[in-house]
């Protein structure tokens, strides 16, 4: 498994619109991510800050033309909600240090 974290930021006043846009993500977007090895994509919001935690199999195939088209359509929907995050790494790989589920917990 491969885990990545991404931090993005919403434009002022876009919190509700962003959440509304995610209530029904187009099936082609979710299906394409699953086909490409994405196991989970969690998005947490704190005020205007968004924290994405993405888990993949680590075997992501090269981007196809279809994948590119689906991504461009989804980014056209999401782009107007987001603003640049200055001075931030944006996207980092995460290394697991400890897991409750693997240590006798849930």
N, C-alpha and C. Protein backbone atom coordinates (compact mmCIF):
# COMPACT_ATOMS: atom_id res chain seq x y z
N UNK A 1 0.83 -1.19 0.00
CA UNK A 1 0.00 0.00 0.00
C UNK A 1 0.88 1.25 0.00
N UNK A 2 0.38 2.25 -0.64
CA UNK A 2 1.07 3.52 -0.73
C UNK A 2 0.09 4.59 -0.23
N UNK A 3 0.54 5.43 0.70
CA UNK A 3 -0.33 6.47 1.25
C UNK A 3 0.29 7.83 0.97
N UNK A 4 -0.54 8.74 0.51
CA UNK A 4 -0.10 10.10 0.17
C UNK A 4 -1.06 11.08 0.85
N UNK A 5 -0.52 12.21 1.27
CA UNK A 5 -1.33 13.28 1.85
C UNK A 5 -1.20 14.52 0.99
N UNK A 6 -2.31 15.18 0.78
CA UNK A 6 -2.33 16.42 0.00
C UNK A 6 -3.11 17.45 0.81
N UNK A 7 -2.60 18.66 0.84
CA UNK A 7 -3.31 19.76 1.48
C UNK A 7 -3.71 20.76 0.41
N UNK A 8 -4.98 21.10 0.39
CA UNK A 8 -5.48 22.13 -0.51
C UNK A 8 -6.31 23.12 0.30
N UNK A 9 -6.68 24.23 -0.31
CA UNK A 9 -7.44 25.25 0.41
C UNK A 9 -8.59 25.74 -0.46
N UNK A 10 -9.73 25.90 0.19
CA UNK A 10 -10.91 26.43 -0.49
C UNK A 10 -10.86 27.94 -0.57
N UNK A 11 -11.40 28.48 -1.63
CA UNK A 11 -11.59 29.93 -1.70
C UNK A 11 -12.62 30.30 -0.65
N UNK A 12 -12.54 31.53 -0.16
CA UNK A 12 -13.48 32.00 0.86
C UNK A 12 -14.91 31.81 0.39
N UNK A 13 -15.73 31.27 1.26
CA UNK A 13 -17.15 31.10 0.98
C UNK A 13 -17.51 29.90 0.13
N UNK A 14 -16.53 29.06 -0.21
CA UNK A 14 -16.79 27.93 -1.10
C UNK A 14 -16.99 26.60 -0.37
N UNK A 15 -17.01 26.63 0.96
CA UNK A 15 -17.10 25.40 1.73
C UNK A 15 -18.34 24.58 1.37
N UNK A 16 -19.51 25.20 1.41
CA UNK A 16 -20.75 24.47 1.14
C UNK A 16 -20.82 23.99 -0.30
N UNK A 17 -20.41 24.81 -1.24
CA UNK A 17 -20.44 24.43 -2.66
C UNK A 17 -19.51 23.25 -2.91
N UNK A 18 -18.34 23.24 -2.27
CA UNK A 18 -17.37 22.15 -2.43
C UNK A 18 -17.95 20.85 -1.89
N UNK A 19 -18.53 20.93 -0.71
CA UNK A 19 -19.12 19.73 -0.12
C UNK A 19 -20.30 19.24 -0.96
N UNK A 20 -21.10 20.15 -1.47
CA UNK A 20 -22.22 19.79 -2.33
C UNK A 20 -21.72 19.08 -3.59
N UNK A 21 -20.64 19.56 -4.18
CA UNK A 21 -20.08 18.95 -5.39
C UNK A 21 -19.62 17.52 -5.13
N UNK A 22 -19.28 17.19 -3.89
CA UNK A 22 -18.82 15.85 -3.55
C UNK A 22 -19.94 14.92 -3.10
N UNK A 23 -21.13 15.43 -2.96
CA UNK A 23 -22.24 14.56 -2.54
C UNK A 23 -22.53 13.50 -3.60
N UNK A 24 -22.35 13.86 -4.87
CA UNK A 24 -22.54 12.91 -5.96
C UNK A 24 -21.37 13.07 -6.93
N UNK A 25 -20.31 12.34 -6.67
CA UNK A 25 -19.15 12.34 -7.57
C UNK A 25 -19.53 11.45 -8.76
N UNK A 26 -19.29 11.92 -9.97
CA UNK A 26 -19.64 11.10 -11.15
C UNK A 26 -19.04 9.69 -11.05
N UNK A 27 -19.85 8.70 -11.38
CA UNK A 27 -19.42 7.31 -11.30
C UNK A 27 -18.14 7.08 -12.09
N UNK A 28 -17.99 7.75 -13.24
CA UNK A 28 -16.80 7.53 -14.05
C UNK A 28 -15.53 7.97 -13.32
N UNK A 29 -15.64 8.97 -12.46
CA UNK A 29 -14.48 9.43 -11.69
C UNK A 29 -14.08 8.35 -10.68
N UNK A 30 -15.06 7.87 -9.89
CA UNK A 30 -14.77 6.85 -8.87
C UNK A 30 -14.30 5.55 -9.52
N UNK A 31 -14.94 5.14 -10.60
CA UNK A 31 -14.56 3.90 -11.28
C UNK A 31 -13.15 4.00 -11.85
N UNK A 32 -12.82 5.15 -12.43
CA UNK A 32 -11.50 5.33 -13.01
C UNK A 32 -10.43 5.29 -11.94
N UNK A 33 -10.69 5.90 -10.79
CA UNK A 33 -9.72 5.85 -9.70
C UNK A 33 -9.51 4.41 -9.23
N UNK A 34 -10.60 3.66 -9.08
CA UNK A 34 -10.48 2.26 -8.65
C UNK A 34 -9.69 1.44 -9.68
N UNK A 35 -9.95 1.67 -10.96
CA UNK A 35 -9.23 0.96 -12.02
C UNK A 35 -7.74 1.26 -11.98
N UNK A 36 -7.39 2.46 -11.51
CA UNK A 36 -5.99 2.88 -11.47
C UNK A 36 -5.29 2.53 -10.16
N UNK A 37 -5.95 1.75 -9.29
CA UNK A 37 -5.31 1.28 -8.08
C UNK A 37 -5.55 2.11 -6.83
N UNK A 38 -6.49 3.06 -6.90
CA UNK A 38 -6.82 3.84 -5.71
C UNK A 38 -7.75 3.01 -4.83
N UNK A 39 -7.34 2.81 -3.58
CA UNK A 39 -8.10 2.00 -2.64
C UNK A 39 -9.02 2.89 -1.81
N UNK A 40 -8.54 4.05 -1.42
CA UNK A 40 -9.32 4.99 -0.60
C UNK A 40 -8.84 6.40 -0.85
N UNK A 41 -9.77 7.35 -0.77
CA UNK A 41 -9.44 8.78 -0.86
C UNK A 41 -10.35 9.47 0.14
N UNK A 42 -9.78 9.91 1.22
CA UNK A 42 -10.52 10.60 2.26
C UNK A 42 -10.22 12.09 2.15
N UNK A 43 -11.25 12.92 2.32
CA UNK A 43 -11.06 14.37 2.34
C UNK A 43 -11.65 14.89 3.64
N UNK A 44 -10.83 15.55 4.43
CA UNK A 44 -11.25 16.18 5.67
C UNK A 44 -11.18 17.68 5.48
N UNK A 45 -12.12 18.41 6.10
CA UNK A 45 -12.11 19.87 5.99
C UNK A 45 -12.05 20.48 7.37
N UNK A 46 -11.19 21.47 7.51
CA UNK A 46 -11.09 22.28 8.72
C UNK A 46 -11.11 23.73 8.25
N UNK A 47 -12.25 24.41 8.39
CA UNK A 47 -12.39 25.75 7.84
C UNK A 47 -12.25 25.70 6.33
N UNK A 48 -11.29 26.43 5.80
CA UNK A 48 -11.04 26.44 4.36
C UNK A 48 -9.99 25.43 3.94
N UNK A 49 -9.31 24.81 4.90
CA UNK A 49 -8.25 23.87 4.59
C UNK A 49 -8.81 22.46 4.38
N UNK A 50 -8.34 21.81 3.32
CA UNK A 50 -8.72 20.44 2.99
C UNK A 50 -7.50 19.54 3.14
N UNK A 51 -7.71 18.39 3.72
CA UNK A 51 -6.65 17.41 3.91
C UNK A 51 -7.09 16.11 3.24
N UNK A 52 -6.37 15.72 2.21
CA UNK A 52 -6.68 14.51 1.46
C UNK A 52 -5.72 13.42 1.92
N UNK A 53 -6.25 12.25 2.23
CA UNK A 53 -5.41 11.10 2.56
C UNK A 53 -5.78 10.02 1.54
N UNK A 54 -4.80 9.67 0.70
CA UNK A 54 -5.05 8.81 -0.44
C UNK A 54 -4.26 7.52 -0.29
N UNK A 55 -4.94 6.39 -0.39
CA UNK A 55 -4.30 5.09 -0.32
C UNK A 55 -4.41 4.41 -1.68
N UNK A 56 -3.29 3.94 -2.19
CA UNK A 56 -3.28 3.23 -3.47
C UNK A 56 -2.56 1.90 -3.30
N UNK A 57 -2.70 1.06 -4.30
CA UNK A 57 -1.99 -0.22 -4.30
C UNK A 57 -0.51 -0.01 -4.58
N UNK A 58 -0.18 1.16 -5.12
CA UNK A 58 1.20 1.45 -5.47
C UNK A 58 1.54 1.01 -6.89
N UNK A 59 0.56 0.43 -7.57
CA UNK A 59 0.78 -0.09 -8.93
C UNK A 59 0.03 0.73 -9.98
N UNK A 60 -0.03 2.03 -9.81
CA UNK A 60 -0.83 2.86 -10.72
C UNK A 60 -0.29 2.76 -12.15
N UNK A 61 -1.18 2.36 -13.08
CA UNK A 61 -0.76 2.27 -14.48
C UNK A 61 -0.57 3.66 -15.07
N UNK A 62 0.11 3.76 -16.20
CA UNK A 62 0.27 5.06 -16.86
C UNK A 62 -1.09 5.66 -17.18
N UNK A 63 -1.16 7.00 -17.19
CA UNK A 63 -2.42 7.68 -17.47
C UNK A 63 -2.79 7.50 -18.94
N UNK A 64 -4.00 7.02 -19.15
CA UNK A 64 -4.50 6.85 -20.51
C UNK A 64 -5.18 8.15 -20.95
N UNK A 65 -5.51 8.20 -22.22
CA UNK A 65 -6.22 9.37 -22.74
C UNK A 65 -7.58 9.50 -22.04
N UNK A 66 -8.25 8.37 -21.80
CA UNK A 66 -9.54 8.38 -21.10
C UNK A 66 -9.38 8.93 -19.68
N UNK A 67 -8.35 8.47 -18.99
CA UNK A 67 -8.07 8.95 -17.63
C UNK A 67 -7.82 10.45 -17.64
N UNK A 68 -7.05 10.91 -18.61
CA UNK A 68 -6.76 12.34 -18.73
C UNK A 68 -8.04 13.14 -18.94
N UNK A 69 -8.92 12.67 -19.79
CA UNK A 69 -10.18 13.37 -20.08
C UNK A 69 -11.07 13.42 -18.85
N UNK A 70 -11.19 12.30 -18.14
CA UNK A 70 -12.01 12.26 -16.93
C UNK A 70 -11.44 13.21 -15.89
N UNK A 71 -10.12 13.19 -15.71
CA UNK A 71 -9.48 14.10 -14.75
C UNK A 71 -9.68 15.56 -15.10
N UNK A 72 -9.57 15.89 -16.36
CA UNK A 72 -9.76 17.28 -16.79
C UNK A 72 -11.20 17.75 -16.53
N UNK A 73 -12.17 16.89 -16.79
CA UNK A 73 -13.58 17.26 -16.53
C UNK A 73 -13.81 17.49 -15.03
N UNK A 74 -13.27 16.60 -14.20
CA UNK A 74 -13.46 16.73 -12.75
C UNK A 74 -12.72 17.96 -12.22
N UNK A 75 -11.52 18.22 -12.72
CA UNK A 75 -10.77 19.40 -12.28
C UNK A 75 -11.45 20.70 -12.72
N UNK A 76 -12.15 20.67 -13.84
CA UNK A 76 -12.91 21.85 -14.28
C UNK A 76 -14.03 22.16 -13.30
N UNK A 77 -14.59 21.11 -12.68
CA UNK A 77 -15.65 21.30 -11.68
C UNK A 77 -15.06 21.76 -10.36
N UNK A 78 -13.95 21.16 -9.94
CA UNK A 78 -13.35 21.45 -8.63
C UNK A 78 -12.49 22.71 -8.62
N UNK A 79 -11.83 23.01 -9.70
CA UNK A 79 -10.89 24.13 -9.77
C UNK A 79 -11.42 25.45 -9.25
N UNK A 80 -12.63 25.86 -9.62
CA UNK A 80 -13.14 27.14 -9.16
C UNK A 80 -13.33 27.24 -7.64
N UNK A 81 -13.35 26.10 -6.94
CA UNK A 81 -13.51 26.09 -5.49
C UNK A 81 -12.21 26.32 -4.74
N UNK A 82 -11.07 26.10 -5.42
CA UNK A 82 -9.78 26.04 -4.73
C UNK A 82 -8.89 27.25 -5.02
N UNK A 83 -8.02 27.53 -4.05
CA UNK A 83 -7.00 28.57 -4.24
C UNK A 83 -5.64 27.96 -3.95
N UNK A 84 -4.58 28.57 -4.45
CA UNK A 84 -3.23 28.04 -4.19
C UNK A 84 -2.90 28.08 -2.70
N UNK A 85 -2.12 27.11 -2.26
CA UNK A 85 -1.64 27.07 -0.88
C UNK A 85 -0.17 27.47 -0.95
N UNK A 86 0.12 28.71 -0.56
CA UNK A 86 1.49 29.22 -0.67
C UNK A 86 2.38 28.67 0.43
N UNK A 87 3.62 28.40 0.05
CA UNK A 87 4.62 27.98 1.03
C UNK A 87 4.38 26.61 1.62
N UNK A 88 3.55 25.80 0.98
CA UNK A 88 3.23 24.48 1.51
C UNK A 88 3.74 23.43 0.54
N UNK A 89 4.11 22.29 1.06
CA UNK A 89 4.59 21.20 0.22
C UNK A 89 3.49 20.74 -0.71
N UNK A 90 2.25 20.72 -0.25
CA UNK A 90 1.13 20.32 -1.09
C UNK A 90 0.88 18.84 -1.09
N UNK A 91 1.85 18.04 -1.44
CA UNK A 91 1.66 16.60 -1.56
C UNK A 91 2.90 15.88 -1.04
N UNK A 92 2.69 14.96 -0.10
CA UNK A 92 3.82 14.22 0.47
C UNK A 92 3.45 12.75 0.62
N UNK A 93 4.44 11.88 0.47
CA UNK A 93 4.25 10.46 0.76
C UNK A 93 4.31 10.29 2.27
N UNK A 94 3.49 9.39 2.78
CA UNK A 94 3.47 9.13 4.21
C UNK A 94 4.00 7.74 4.49
N UNK A 95 4.80 7.62 5.54
CA UNK A 95 5.32 6.33 5.98
C UNK A 95 4.62 5.96 7.27
N UNK A 96 3.99 4.79 7.30
CA UNK A 96 3.26 4.34 8.48
C UNK A 96 4.23 4.07 9.63
N UNK A 97 3.93 4.67 10.76
CA UNK A 97 4.73 4.47 11.96
C UNK A 97 4.01 3.51 12.91
N UNK A 98 2.69 3.65 13.03
CA UNK A 98 1.93 2.82 13.97
C UNK A 98 0.50 2.74 13.51
N UNK A 99 -0.16 1.62 13.77
CA UNK A 99 -1.56 1.41 13.40
C UNK A 99 -2.32 0.76 14.54
N UNK A 100 -3.41 1.38 14.95
CA UNK A 100 -4.27 0.80 15.99
C UNK A 100 -4.83 -0.55 15.55
N UNK A 101 -5.30 -0.61 14.29
CA UNK A 101 -5.92 -1.84 13.80
C UNK A 101 -4.93 -3.01 13.74
N UNK A 102 -3.65 -2.72 13.58
CA UNK A 102 -2.64 -3.78 13.52
C UNK A 102 -2.02 -4.06 14.88
N UNK A 103 -2.46 -3.35 15.90
CA UNK A 103 -1.88 -3.52 17.23
C UNK A 103 -2.94 -3.79 18.28
N UNK A 104 -3.88 -4.65 17.95
CA UNK A 104 -4.86 -5.09 18.92
C UNK A 104 -6.08 -4.20 19.07
N UNK A 105 -6.20 -3.16 18.27
CA UNK A 105 -7.35 -2.27 18.36
C UNK A 105 -8.44 -2.69 17.40
N UNK A 106 -9.23 -1.73 17.03
CA UNK A 106 -10.41 -1.94 16.18
C UNK A 106 -10.16 -2.79 14.98
